[in-house]
N, C-alpha and C. Protein backbone atom coordinates (compact mmCIF):
# COMPACT_ATOMS: atom_id res chain seq x y z
N UNK A 1 52.91 123.64 89.07
CA UNK A 1 52.41 123.71 90.50
C UNK A 1 51.15 123.12 90.56
N UNK A 2 51.01 122.42 91.82
CA UNK A 2 49.61 121.95 91.99
C UNK A 2 48.82 122.86 92.99
N UNK A 3 47.46 122.72 93.11
CA UNK A 3 46.55 123.66 93.88
C UNK A 3 47.14 124.03 95.22
N UNK A 4 47.64 122.96 95.87
CA UNK A 4 48.10 123.28 97.28
C UNK A 4 49.30 124.29 97.12
N UNK A 5 50.21 124.10 96.23
CA UNK A 5 51.40 125.03 96.07
C UNK A 5 50.86 126.34 95.89
N UNK A 6 49.92 126.54 94.96
CA UNK A 6 49.29 127.86 94.65
C UNK A 6 48.66 128.53 95.82
N UNK A 7 47.87 127.69 96.58
CA UNK A 7 47.25 128.21 97.79
C UNK A 7 48.32 128.67 98.94
N UNK A 8 49.53 127.99 99.11
CA UNK A 8 50.57 128.31 99.84
C UNK A 8 51.09 129.61 99.48
N UNK A 9 51.33 129.89 98.23
CA UNK A 9 51.94 131.01 97.59
C UNK A 9 51.11 132.22 97.81
N UNK A 10 49.82 131.95 97.62
CA UNK A 10 48.76 133.09 97.81
C UNK A 10 48.68 133.58 99.34
N UNK A 11 48.75 132.54 100.23
CA UNK A 11 48.78 133.01 101.71
C UNK A 11 49.92 133.76 102.03
N UNK A 12 51.17 133.61 101.29
CA UNK A 12 52.27 134.47 101.57
C UNK A 12 52.12 135.73 101.08
N UNK A 13 51.76 135.78 99.78
CA UNK A 13 51.95 137.28 98.98
C UNK A 13 50.87 138.04 99.38
N UNK A 14 49.71 137.62 99.93
CA UNK A 14 48.72 138.52 100.30
C UNK A 14 49.10 139.45 101.46
N UNK A 15 50.08 139.15 102.15
CA UNK A 15 50.46 139.71 103.25
C UNK A 15 51.38 141.04 102.87
N UNK A 16 51.87 140.95 101.59
CA UNK A 16 52.72 142.04 101.10
C UNK A 16 52.38 142.93 100.21
N UNK A 17 51.08 142.70 99.60
CA UNK A 17 50.56 143.63 98.64
C UNK A 17 49.41 144.46 99.17
N UNK A 18 49.13 145.73 98.63
CA UNK A 18 47.93 146.46 99.07
C UNK A 18 46.67 145.81 98.55
N UNK A 19 45.45 146.23 99.17
CA UNK A 19 44.18 145.72 98.67
C UNK A 19 44.15 146.16 97.34
N UNK A 20 43.14 145.70 96.45
CA UNK A 20 42.78 145.94 95.13
C UNK A 20 43.98 145.73 94.34
N UNK A 21 44.80 144.87 94.55
CA UNK A 21 45.83 144.36 93.54
C UNK A 21 45.58 143.09 92.81
N UNK A 22 45.56 143.00 91.56
CA UNK A 22 45.39 141.93 90.97
C UNK A 22 46.62 141.02 90.94
N UNK A 23 46.46 139.74 91.09
CA UNK A 23 47.62 138.83 91.23
C UNK A 23 47.53 137.69 90.18
N UNK A 24 48.77 137.49 89.38
CA UNK A 24 48.77 136.33 88.68
C UNK A 24 50.01 135.53 88.91
N UNK A 25 49.79 134.22 88.68
CA UNK A 25 50.81 133.25 88.89
C UNK A 25 51.06 132.39 87.71
N UNK A 26 52.17 132.23 87.32
CA UNK A 26 52.73 131.61 86.03
C UNK A 26 53.72 130.65 86.17
N UNK A 27 53.85 129.61 85.32
CA UNK A 27 54.93 128.83 85.09
C UNK A 27 55.81 129.59 84.08
N UNK A 28 56.74 128.84 83.43
CA UNK A 28 57.68 129.61 82.60
C UNK A 28 56.86 129.90 81.23
N UNK A 29 55.86 129.39 80.92
CA UNK A 29 55.13 129.50 79.66
C UNK A 29 53.82 130.13 79.74
N UNK A 30 53.04 129.73 80.72
CA UNK A 30 51.64 130.08 80.74
C UNK A 30 51.27 130.54 82.05
N UNK A 31 50.05 131.18 82.22
CA UNK A 31 49.52 131.53 83.49
C UNK A 31 48.70 130.40 83.94
N UNK A 32 48.74 130.22 85.49
CA UNK A 32 47.96 129.08 86.02
C UNK A 32 47.12 129.45 86.94
N UNK A 33 47.21 130.80 87.26
CA UNK A 33 46.32 131.33 88.34
C UNK A 33 46.18 133.04 87.99
N UNK A 34 44.94 133.48 88.34
CA UNK A 34 44.78 134.85 88.05
C UNK A 34 43.52 135.37 88.97
N UNK A 35 43.86 136.33 89.80
CA UNK A 35 42.78 136.92 90.49
C UNK A 35 42.78 138.54 90.35
N UNK A 36 41.69 138.94 89.58
CA UNK A 36 41.62 140.29 89.21
C UNK A 36 41.14 141.17 90.47
N UNK A 37 41.32 142.37 90.46
CA UNK A 37 40.72 143.36 91.45
C UNK A 37 39.80 144.35 90.66
N UNK A 38 38.97 145.08 91.48
CA UNK A 38 38.21 146.05 91.03
C UNK A 38 38.80 147.19 90.24
N UNK A 39 40.08 147.43 90.40
CA UNK A 39 40.70 148.58 89.91
C UNK A 39 41.30 148.21 88.51
N UNK A 40 41.78 147.15 88.26
CA UNK A 40 42.54 146.77 87.03
C UNK A 40 42.28 145.28 86.91
N UNK A 41 41.96 144.97 85.49
CA UNK A 41 41.78 143.54 85.08
C UNK A 41 42.31 143.34 83.80
N UNK A 42 43.26 142.55 83.75
CA UNK A 42 43.99 142.27 82.41
C UNK A 42 43.34 141.04 81.64
N UNK A 43 42.29 140.55 82.25
CA UNK A 43 41.46 139.59 81.46
C UNK A 43 42.22 138.29 81.20
N UNK A 44 43.19 137.99 82.19
CA UNK A 44 44.11 136.85 82.02
C UNK A 44 43.13 135.48 82.43
N UNK A 45 43.28 134.43 81.72
CA UNK A 45 42.76 133.28 82.03
C UNK A 45 43.77 132.12 82.23
N UNK A 46 43.50 131.20 83.06
CA UNK A 46 44.59 130.13 83.28
C UNK A 46 44.82 129.36 81.96
N UNK A 47 45.96 129.12 81.55
CA UNK A 47 46.30 128.52 80.17
C UNK A 47 46.79 129.60 79.18
N UNK A 48 46.47 130.83 79.51
CA UNK A 48 46.99 131.92 78.65
C UNK A 48 48.36 132.00 78.48
N UNK A 49 49.07 132.03 77.24
CA UNK A 49 50.47 132.23 77.33
C UNK A 49 51.00 133.48 77.91
N UNK A 50 52.19 133.44 78.62
CA UNK A 50 52.81 134.58 79.00
C UNK A 50 53.22 135.53 77.70
N UNK A 51 52.68 136.84 77.97
CA UNK A 51 52.92 137.70 76.66
C UNK A 51 54.27 138.33 76.70
N UNK A 52 54.96 138.28 75.62
CA UNK A 52 56.21 139.08 75.52
C UNK A 52 56.14 140.51 75.96
N UNK A 53 57.08 141.08 76.80
CA UNK A 53 56.84 142.51 77.28
C UNK A 53 56.16 142.65 78.43
N UNK A 54 55.44 141.63 78.92
CA UNK A 54 54.75 141.70 80.30
C UNK A 54 55.64 141.76 81.28
N UNK A 55 55.12 142.12 82.60
CA UNK A 55 56.15 141.90 83.95
C UNK A 55 56.53 140.75 84.16
N UNK A 56 55.67 139.60 84.00
CA UNK A 56 56.01 138.20 84.23
C UNK A 56 57.10 137.69 83.16
N UNK A 57 56.89 138.09 82.02
CA UNK A 57 57.93 137.71 80.99
C UNK A 57 59.37 138.27 81.33
N UNK A 58 59.35 139.48 81.80
CA UNK A 58 60.68 140.17 82.04
C UNK A 58 61.30 139.44 83.19
N UNK A 59 60.45 139.22 84.24
CA UNK A 59 60.98 138.58 85.57
C UNK A 59 61.55 137.15 85.26
N UNK A 60 60.91 136.44 84.53
CA UNK A 60 61.29 135.08 84.04
C UNK A 60 62.71 135.17 83.25
N UNK A 61 62.81 136.22 82.30
CA UNK A 61 63.80 136.36 81.42
C UNK A 61 65.14 136.71 82.15
N UNK A 62 64.95 137.85 83.17
CA UNK A 62 66.03 138.26 83.70
C UNK A 62 66.48 137.54 85.01
N UNK A 63 65.41 136.81 85.58
CA UNK A 63 65.63 135.95 86.79
C UNK A 63 65.73 136.79 88.08
N UNK A 64 65.04 137.99 88.03
CA UNK A 64 65.10 138.75 89.12
C UNK A 64 63.75 139.62 89.27
N UNK A 65 63.60 140.31 90.46
CA UNK A 65 62.27 141.03 90.75
C UNK A 65 62.21 142.24 89.72
N UNK A 66 61.16 142.36 89.18
CA UNK A 66 60.95 143.46 88.15
C UNK A 66 59.82 144.42 88.61
N UNK A 67 60.00 145.77 88.73
CA UNK A 67 59.06 146.72 89.03
C UNK A 67 58.92 147.59 87.75
N UNK A 68 57.99 147.57 86.94
CA UNK A 68 57.97 148.28 85.59
C UNK A 68 56.53 148.61 85.19
N UNK A 69 56.40 149.70 84.42
CA UNK A 69 55.34 150.14 83.85
C UNK A 69 55.13 149.56 82.52
N UNK A 70 53.90 148.85 82.17
CA UNK A 70 53.63 148.24 81.00
C UNK A 70 52.66 148.96 80.23
N UNK A 71 52.95 149.31 78.93
CA UNK A 71 51.99 150.09 78.16
C UNK A 71 50.94 149.32 77.73
N UNK A 72 49.74 149.87 77.07
CA UNK A 72 48.62 149.22 76.81
C UNK A 72 48.76 148.29 75.58
N UNK A 73 49.92 148.31 74.86
CA UNK A 73 49.89 147.30 73.80
C UNK A 73 50.27 146.01 73.96
N UNK A 74 50.36 145.65 75.34
CA UNK A 74 50.64 144.28 75.85
C UNK A 74 49.35 143.68 76.11
N UNK A 75 48.44 144.23 77.00
CA UNK A 75 47.21 143.59 77.38
C UNK A 75 46.01 144.47 76.94
N UNK A 76 46.32 145.55 76.32
CA UNK A 76 45.07 146.40 75.95
C UNK A 76 44.80 147.44 77.04
N UNK A 77 45.30 147.34 78.19
CA UNK A 77 45.29 148.40 79.24
C UNK A 77 46.67 148.62 79.84
N UNK A 78 47.10 149.77 80.18
CA UNK A 78 48.30 150.01 80.86
C UNK A 78 48.32 149.53 82.27
N UNK A 79 49.47 149.14 82.99
CA UNK A 79 49.45 148.63 84.25
C UNK A 79 50.73 148.89 84.76
N UNK A 80 50.99 148.83 86.19
CA UNK A 80 52.23 149.02 86.67
C UNK A 80 52.47 147.52 87.40
N UNK A 81 53.39 146.79 87.09
CA UNK A 81 53.61 145.47 87.56
C UNK A 81 54.86 145.30 88.48
N UNK A 82 54.70 144.45 89.47
CA UNK A 82 55.72 143.86 90.34
C UNK A 82 55.73 142.44 90.10
N UNK A 83 56.80 141.87 89.53
CA UNK A 83 56.87 140.43 89.27
C UNK A 83 58.00 139.86 89.98
N UNK A 84 57.90 138.82 90.52
CA UNK A 84 58.95 137.92 91.22
C UNK A 84 59.11 136.55 90.86
N UNK A 85 60.24 136.29 90.31
CA UNK A 85 60.45 134.86 89.80
C UNK A 85 60.48 133.87 90.96
N UNK A 86 59.90 132.76 90.68
CA UNK A 86 59.84 131.51 91.49
C UNK A 86 60.99 130.62 91.19
N UNK A 87 61.96 130.48 92.14
CA UNK A 87 63.32 129.68 91.75
C UNK A 87 63.33 128.63 92.69
N UNK A 88 63.54 127.51 92.18
CA UNK A 88 63.72 126.26 93.15
C UNK A 88 65.16 125.54 92.68
N UNK A 89 66.03 125.48 93.60
CA UNK A 89 67.34 124.71 93.45
C UNK A 89 67.86 125.48 92.20
N UNK A 90 67.91 126.80 92.07
CA UNK A 90 68.52 127.52 91.14
C UNK A 90 67.87 127.63 89.78
N UNK A 91 66.79 126.83 89.56
CA UNK A 91 66.08 126.87 88.42
C UNK A 91 64.64 127.65 88.32
N UNK A 92 64.35 128.52 87.47
CA UNK A 92 63.22 129.34 87.48
C UNK A 92 62.10 128.53 87.15
N UNK A 93 61.05 128.49 88.08
CA UNK A 93 59.83 127.81 87.70
C UNK A 93 58.76 128.50 87.26
N UNK A 94 58.64 129.80 87.43
CA UNK A 94 57.59 130.62 87.15
C UNK A 94 57.72 132.03 87.73
N UNK A 95 56.56 132.69 87.97
CA UNK A 95 56.70 134.07 88.52
C UNK A 95 55.43 134.39 89.20
N UNK A 96 55.41 135.18 90.13
CA UNK A 96 54.23 135.74 90.91
C UNK A 96 54.17 137.23 90.50
N UNK A 97 53.05 137.68 90.01
CA UNK A 97 53.03 139.25 89.43
C UNK A 97 51.90 139.78 90.07
N UNK A 98 52.25 141.03 90.64
CA UNK A 98 51.26 141.85 91.36
C UNK A 98 50.98 143.15 90.31
N UNK A 99 49.75 143.27 90.07
CA UNK A 99 49.34 144.10 88.93
C UNK A 99 48.52 145.44 89.67
N UNK A 100 49.04 146.62 89.42
CA UNK A 100 48.46 147.92 89.99
C UNK A 100 48.07 148.71 88.68
N UNK A 101 46.93 149.57 89.13
CA UNK A 101 46.28 150.24 87.97
C UNK A 101 46.92 151.53 87.42
N UNK A 102 47.99 152.23 88.15
CA UNK A 102 48.53 153.37 87.67
C UNK A 102 50.01 153.37 87.81
N UNK A 103 50.58 154.19 87.04
CA UNK A 103 52.09 154.40 87.13
C UNK A 103 52.46 155.21 88.36
N UNK A 104 53.56 154.99 89.07
CA UNK A 104 53.85 155.80 90.24
C UNK A 104 54.12 157.18 89.84
N UNK A 105 53.87 158.07 90.75
CA UNK A 105 53.92 159.59 90.47
C UNK A 105 55.36 159.85 90.31
N UNK A 106 55.62 160.77 89.25
CA UNK A 106 56.96 161.07 88.99
C UNK A 106 57.66 161.76 90.11
N UNK A 107 56.97 162.56 90.93
CA UNK A 107 57.66 163.20 92.12
C UNK A 107 58.19 162.28 93.13
N UNK A 108 57.90 160.94 93.10
CA UNK A 108 58.41 160.11 94.06
C UNK A 108 59.53 159.31 93.37
N UNK A 109 59.96 159.54 92.30
CA UNK A 109 61.00 158.88 91.55
C UNK A 109 62.41 158.96 92.33
N UNK A 110 62.85 160.02 92.82
CA UNK A 110 64.16 160.17 93.39
C UNK A 110 64.06 160.73 94.90
N UNK A 111 62.84 160.97 95.36
CA UNK A 111 62.80 161.41 96.59
C UNK A 111 61.85 160.77 97.47
N UNK A 112 61.99 160.63 98.69
CA UNK A 112 60.89 160.22 99.74
C UNK A 112 60.86 161.23 100.77
N UNK A 113 59.57 161.67 101.09
CA UNK A 113 59.36 162.75 102.09
C UNK A 113 58.81 162.16 103.41
N UNK A 114 59.56 162.42 104.48
CA UNK A 114 59.26 161.89 105.82
C UNK A 114 58.91 162.87 106.79
N UNK A 115 58.14 162.56 107.69
CA UNK A 115 57.65 163.48 108.77
C UNK A 115 58.53 163.39 110.09
N UNK A 116 59.07 164.35 110.55
CA UNK A 116 59.80 164.25 111.72
C UNK A 116 58.96 165.45 112.65
N UNK A 117 58.48 164.86 113.78
CA UNK A 117 57.64 165.91 114.65
C UNK A 117 56.52 166.44 113.77
N UNK A 118 56.43 167.75 113.58
CA UNK A 118 55.52 168.38 112.86
C UNK A 118 55.92 168.90 111.51
N UNK A 119 57.05 168.56 111.09
CA UNK A 119 57.68 169.00 109.83
C UNK A 119 58.00 167.82 108.83
N UNK A 120 57.93 168.07 107.51
CA UNK A 120 58.18 167.16 106.58
C UNK A 120 59.60 167.40 105.78
N UNK A 121 60.40 166.44 105.58
CA UNK A 121 61.60 166.64 104.98
C UNK A 121 61.80 165.74 103.66
N UNK A 122 62.02 166.36 102.42
CA UNK A 122 62.36 165.32 101.32
C UNK A 122 63.64 164.82 101.39
N UNK A 123 63.81 163.66 101.20
CA UNK A 123 65.13 162.96 101.33
C UNK A 123 65.42 162.12 99.99
N UNK A 124 66.60 162.32 99.58
CA UNK A 124 66.86 161.40 98.28
C UNK A 124 66.96 160.06 98.53
N UNK A 125 66.49 159.24 97.60
CA UNK A 125 66.61 157.79 97.78
C UNK A 125 68.08 157.26 98.27
N UNK A 126 68.91 157.96 97.44
CA UNK A 126 70.45 157.66 97.77
C UNK A 126 70.83 157.70 99.24
N UNK A 127 70.10 158.54 100.06
CA UNK A 127 70.46 158.79 101.46
C UNK A 127 69.89 157.96 102.29
N UNK A 128 68.80 157.11 102.04
CA UNK A 128 68.21 156.11 102.79
C UNK A 128 68.97 155.11 103.05
N UNK A 129 69.13 154.69 104.43
CA UNK A 129 69.92 153.51 104.74
C UNK A 129 69.17 152.26 104.91
N UNK A 130 67.82 152.37 105.38
CA UNK A 130 66.91 151.27 105.50
C UNK A 130 65.54 151.76 105.77
N UNK A 131 64.49 150.98 105.45
CA UNK A 131 63.01 151.19 105.73
C UNK A 131 62.50 150.12 106.59
N UNK A 132 61.66 150.33 107.56
CA UNK A 132 61.23 149.36 108.46
C UNK A 132 59.71 149.55 108.65
N UNK A 133 58.89 148.51 108.78
CA UNK A 133 57.47 148.59 109.10
C UNK A 133 57.48 148.87 110.61
N UNK A 134 56.74 149.96 110.94
CA UNK A 134 56.46 150.23 112.39
C UNK A 134 55.01 151.03 112.32
N UNK A 135 54.10 150.46 113.15
CA UNK A 135 52.80 151.03 113.50
C UNK A 135 52.05 151.43 112.04
N UNK A 136 52.07 150.36 111.26
CA UNK A 136 51.40 150.54 109.95
C UNK A 136 51.71 151.66 109.13
N UNK A 137 52.98 152.24 109.45
CA UNK A 137 53.63 153.24 108.55
C UNK A 137 55.02 152.66 108.34
N UNK A 138 55.80 153.41 107.66
CA UNK A 138 57.16 153.01 107.33
C UNK A 138 58.13 154.10 107.90
N UNK A 139 59.02 153.31 108.83
CA UNK A 139 60.14 154.22 109.64
C UNK A 139 61.17 154.33 108.43
N UNK A 140 61.77 155.43 108.22
CA UNK A 140 62.77 155.70 107.28
C UNK A 140 64.06 156.15 108.06
N UNK A 141 65.15 155.64 107.80
CA UNK A 141 66.34 156.01 108.44
C UNK A 141 67.54 156.43 107.34
N UNK A 142 68.01 157.61 107.73
CA UNK A 142 69.28 158.08 107.00
C UNK A 142 70.36 158.07 107.92
N UNK A 143 71.53 158.53 107.57
CA UNK A 143 72.58 158.56 108.40
C UNK A 143 72.38 159.72 109.51
N UNK A 144 71.61 160.68 109.13
CA UNK A 144 71.65 161.92 110.11
C UNK A 144 70.01 162.21 110.44
N UNK A 145 69.15 161.67 109.83
CA UNK A 145 67.59 161.81 110.07
C UNK A 145 66.96 160.39 110.21
N UNK A 146 65.80 160.54 110.90
CA UNK A 146 64.80 159.26 110.95
C UNK A 146 63.33 159.92 111.23
N UNK A 147 62.40 159.27 110.47
CA UNK A 147 61.04 159.73 110.38
C UNK A 147 60.25 158.74 109.75
N UNK A 148 58.93 159.17 109.52
CA UNK A 148 57.94 158.18 109.24
C UNK A 148 57.29 158.71 107.75
N UNK A 149 57.14 157.69 106.98
CA UNK A 149 56.27 157.84 105.75
C UNK A 149 54.96 157.32 105.92
N UNK A 150 53.98 158.05 105.30
CA UNK A 150 52.47 157.58 105.50
C UNK A 150 52.16 156.28 104.83
N UNK A 151 52.91 155.76 103.75
CA UNK A 151 52.64 154.58 103.02
C UNK A 151 53.26 153.41 103.90
N UNK A 152 52.67 152.31 103.58
CA UNK A 152 53.35 151.04 104.23
C UNK A 152 54.54 150.56 103.34
N UNK A 153 55.29 149.66 103.74
CA UNK A 153 56.40 149.11 103.22
C UNK A 153 56.20 148.55 101.84
N UNK A 154 55.17 147.81 101.69
CA UNK A 154 54.87 147.12 100.36
C UNK A 154 54.48 148.16 99.30
N UNK A 155 53.69 149.25 99.78
CA UNK A 155 53.44 150.45 98.83
C UNK A 155 54.67 151.08 98.47
N UNK A 156 55.61 151.39 99.28
CA UNK A 156 56.74 152.16 99.10
C UNK A 156 57.70 151.38 98.17
N UNK A 157 57.71 150.05 98.39
CA UNK A 157 58.69 149.22 97.67
C UNK A 157 58.45 149.34 96.09
N UNK A 158 57.23 149.94 95.51
CA UNK A 158 57.09 150.18 94.38
C UNK A 158 57.74 151.15 93.60
N UNK A 159 58.25 152.17 94.51
CA UNK A 159 58.83 153.29 94.03
C UNK A 159 60.38 153.42 94.31
N UNK A 160 60.98 152.07 94.64
CA UNK A 160 62.31 151.97 94.97
C UNK A 160 63.08 151.25 93.78
N UNK A 161 64.25 151.66 93.49
CA UNK A 161 65.07 151.12 92.52
C UNK A 161 65.50 149.76 92.95
N UNK A 162 65.37 148.76 92.04
CA UNK A 162 65.90 147.41 92.22
C UNK A 162 67.39 147.37 92.24
N UNK A 163 68.09 148.34 91.64
CA UNK A 163 69.51 148.42 91.66
C UNK A 163 70.16 148.85 92.95
N UNK A 164 69.27 149.49 93.84
CA UNK A 164 69.69 150.00 95.14
C UNK A 164 69.15 149.37 96.30
N UNK A 165 67.83 149.16 96.28
CA UNK A 165 67.20 148.47 97.42
C UNK A 165 66.83 147.10 97.25
N UNK A 166 66.74 146.37 98.36
CA UNK A 166 66.43 144.98 98.32
C UNK A 166 65.76 144.76 99.70
N UNK A 167 64.65 143.95 99.34
CA UNK A 167 63.86 143.42 100.60
C UNK A 167 64.53 142.26 101.19
N UNK A 168 64.84 142.31 102.48
CA UNK A 168 65.46 141.20 103.15
C UNK A 168 64.67 140.46 104.26
N UNK A 169 63.43 141.07 104.47
CA UNK A 169 62.56 140.68 105.55
C UNK A 169 61.15 141.18 105.43
N UNK A 170 60.09 140.78 105.89
CA UNK A 170 58.87 141.23 105.65
C UNK A 170 58.73 142.55 106.33
N UNK A 171 59.76 142.95 107.23
CA UNK A 171 59.58 144.21 107.86
C UNK A 171 60.60 145.29 107.47
N UNK A 172 61.43 144.74 106.43
CA UNK A 172 62.79 145.63 106.21
C UNK A 172 63.11 145.58 104.72
N UNK A 173 63.39 146.78 104.17
CA UNK A 173 64.03 147.05 102.91
C UNK A 173 65.24 147.74 103.31
N UNK A 174 66.37 147.40 102.62
CA UNK A 174 67.74 148.02 103.05
C UNK A 174 68.43 148.50 101.65
N UNK A 175 69.11 149.72 101.80
CA UNK A 175 69.97 150.23 100.76
C UNK A 175 71.29 149.33 100.71
N UNK A 176 71.48 148.73 99.49
CA UNK A 176 72.65 147.89 99.53
C UNK A 176 73.94 148.78 99.67
N UNK A 177 73.93 149.98 99.28
CA UNK A 177 75.01 150.96 99.43
C UNK A 177 75.50 151.03 100.79
N UNK A 178 74.50 150.71 101.75
CA UNK A 178 74.88 151.13 103.16
C UNK A 178 75.14 149.77 104.02
N UNK A 179 75.21 148.71 103.28
CA UNK A 179 75.50 147.50 104.08
C UNK A 179 77.00 147.55 104.22
N UNK A 180 77.41 147.37 105.47
CA UNK A 180 78.82 147.32 105.71
C UNK A 180 79.32 146.01 105.87
N UNK A 181 78.55 145.00 106.33
CA UNK A 181 78.91 143.73 106.42
C UNK A 181 77.63 142.71 106.55
N UNK A 182 77.93 141.44 105.96
CA UNK A 182 76.83 140.41 105.95
C UNK A 182 77.54 139.37 106.76
N UNK A 183 76.81 138.97 107.88
CA UNK A 183 77.25 137.90 108.70
C UNK A 183 76.30 136.68 108.81
N UNK A 184 76.84 135.52 108.79
CA UNK A 184 76.02 134.22 108.85
C UNK A 184 75.41 134.15 110.07
N UNK A 185 73.95 133.72 110.02
CA UNK A 185 73.23 133.68 111.17
C UNK A 185 72.63 132.24 111.08
N UNK A 186 71.88 131.95 112.02
CA UNK A 186 71.38 130.62 112.14
C UNK A 186 70.38 130.28 110.99
N UNK A 187 70.26 128.87 110.82
CA UNK A 187 69.04 128.44 109.72
C UNK A 187 69.44 129.01 108.35
N UNK A 188 70.56 129.21 108.04
CA UNK A 188 70.88 129.78 106.60
C UNK A 188 70.47 131.15 106.31
N UNK A 189 70.38 131.91 107.52
CA UNK A 189 69.80 133.22 107.26
C UNK A 189 71.14 134.16 107.39
N UNK A 190 70.99 135.48 107.47
CA UNK A 190 72.10 136.41 107.59
C UNK A 190 71.69 137.56 108.57
N UNK A 191 72.70 138.21 108.96
CA UNK A 191 72.56 139.50 109.75
C UNK A 191 73.35 140.59 109.05
N UNK A 192 72.72 141.66 108.77
CA UNK A 192 73.28 142.71 108.10
C UNK A 192 73.64 143.81 109.06
N UNK A 193 74.87 144.15 109.01
CA UNK A 193 75.55 145.41 109.86
C UNK A 193 75.50 146.55 108.88
N UNK A 194 74.58 147.58 109.17
CA UNK A 194 74.40 148.74 108.28
C UNK A 194 75.53 149.56 108.72
N UNK A 195 75.80 150.64 107.87
CA UNK A 195 76.82 151.72 108.04
C UNK A 195 76.57 152.54 109.34
N UNK A 196 75.37 152.67 109.51
CA UNK A 196 75.12 153.46 110.93
C UNK A 196 75.04 152.72 112.23
N UNK A 197 75.51 151.35 111.90
CA UNK A 197 75.37 150.33 113.24
C UNK A 197 74.35 149.60 113.48
N UNK A 198 73.18 149.89 112.67
CA UNK A 198 72.02 149.07 112.85
C UNK A 198 72.23 147.64 112.40
N UNK A 199 71.61 146.67 113.17
CA UNK A 199 71.73 145.19 112.84
C UNK A 199 70.59 144.70 112.31
N UNK A 200 70.36 144.29 110.90
CA UNK A 200 69.12 144.03 110.36
C UNK A 200 69.08 142.46 109.98
N UNK A 201 68.08 141.71 110.30
CA UNK A 201 68.06 140.42 109.84
C UNK A 201 67.64 139.97 108.52
N UNK A 202 68.16 139.05 107.82
CA UNK A 202 67.62 138.63 106.42
C UNK A 202 66.80 137.32 106.81
N UNK A 203 65.59 137.28 106.70
CA UNK A 203 64.80 136.25 107.24
C UNK A 203 64.94 134.96 106.28
N UNK A 204 64.63 133.91 106.66
CA UNK A 204 64.77 132.55 105.78
C UNK A 204 63.99 132.61 104.28
N UNK A 205 62.94 133.34 104.54
CA UNK A 205 61.98 133.47 103.23
C UNK A 205 62.72 134.15 102.22
N UNK A 206 63.53 135.24 102.71
CA UNK A 206 64.29 136.02 101.69
C UNK A 206 65.83 135.71 101.57
N UNK A 207 66.20 134.82 102.30
CA UNK A 207 67.71 134.45 102.29
C UNK A 207 68.19 134.11 100.76
N UNK A 208 67.55 133.23 100.15
CA UNK A 208 67.99 132.69 98.85
C UNK A 208 68.01 133.75 97.75
N UNK A 209 66.85 134.65 97.74
CA UNK A 209 66.83 135.73 96.88
C UNK A 209 67.88 136.77 97.19
N UNK A 210 68.08 136.97 98.35
CA UNK A 210 69.03 137.90 98.84
C UNK A 210 70.49 137.46 98.41
N UNK A 211 70.92 136.26 98.46
CA UNK A 211 72.10 135.67 97.97
C UNK A 211 72.21 135.84 96.49
N UNK A 212 71.16 135.41 95.67
CA UNK A 212 71.29 135.54 94.36
C UNK A 212 71.40 137.08 93.79
N UNK A 213 70.64 137.88 94.51
CA UNK A 213 70.75 139.22 94.09
C UNK A 213 72.10 139.81 94.22
N UNK A 214 72.91 139.47 95.31
CA UNK A 214 74.20 140.07 95.62
C UNK A 214 75.39 139.02 95.08
N UNK A 215 74.89 137.91 94.57
CA UNK A 215 75.87 137.20 93.77
C UNK A 215 76.93 136.40 94.77
N UNK A 216 76.43 135.85 96.02
CA UNK A 216 77.38 135.05 96.86
C UNK A 216 76.60 133.95 97.30
């Protein structure tokens, strides 16, 4: 990738990750860009080979987004990584990896707590139909409840299972179990009809990733 391509990638991904996130970009063999944060620094330098067991290594090997906790034996410090493979015409070209300083709290593993009026309700992840960015918070919808979580969509994405949830738009993450129908839309995009009747767009930016993830 040339410097212009890297700059374009950085302009896109900065919108999706919280502040104080370290960012690494690699091809399939080595790192070509690294931006450390004040909270975690893996001391990566352009030209360093991708280490086996790292988040970038796993994303490239598996060809899909990886959210995983990496122990200190890989880089000398532990970190939580979100790595997304860069795929062009079906071929993996590299990966973009966001690096966070701590492992997600265990109590968020299976539940998400939403606020409705003046009360809070713990909701099982399996009951969430979709999540949507609204007013710098995240609107969470189930079949019988709807409320807000204090974290933004990008922060919450770290705690959601890749096997169940998929991001389809900068403003939406959906639970695959609740997709009732996938309809073609303009410009090679799609429209999702959820089981509760909500219609959610798959943006052009996520259309290819969405198709690969669901195998169609």
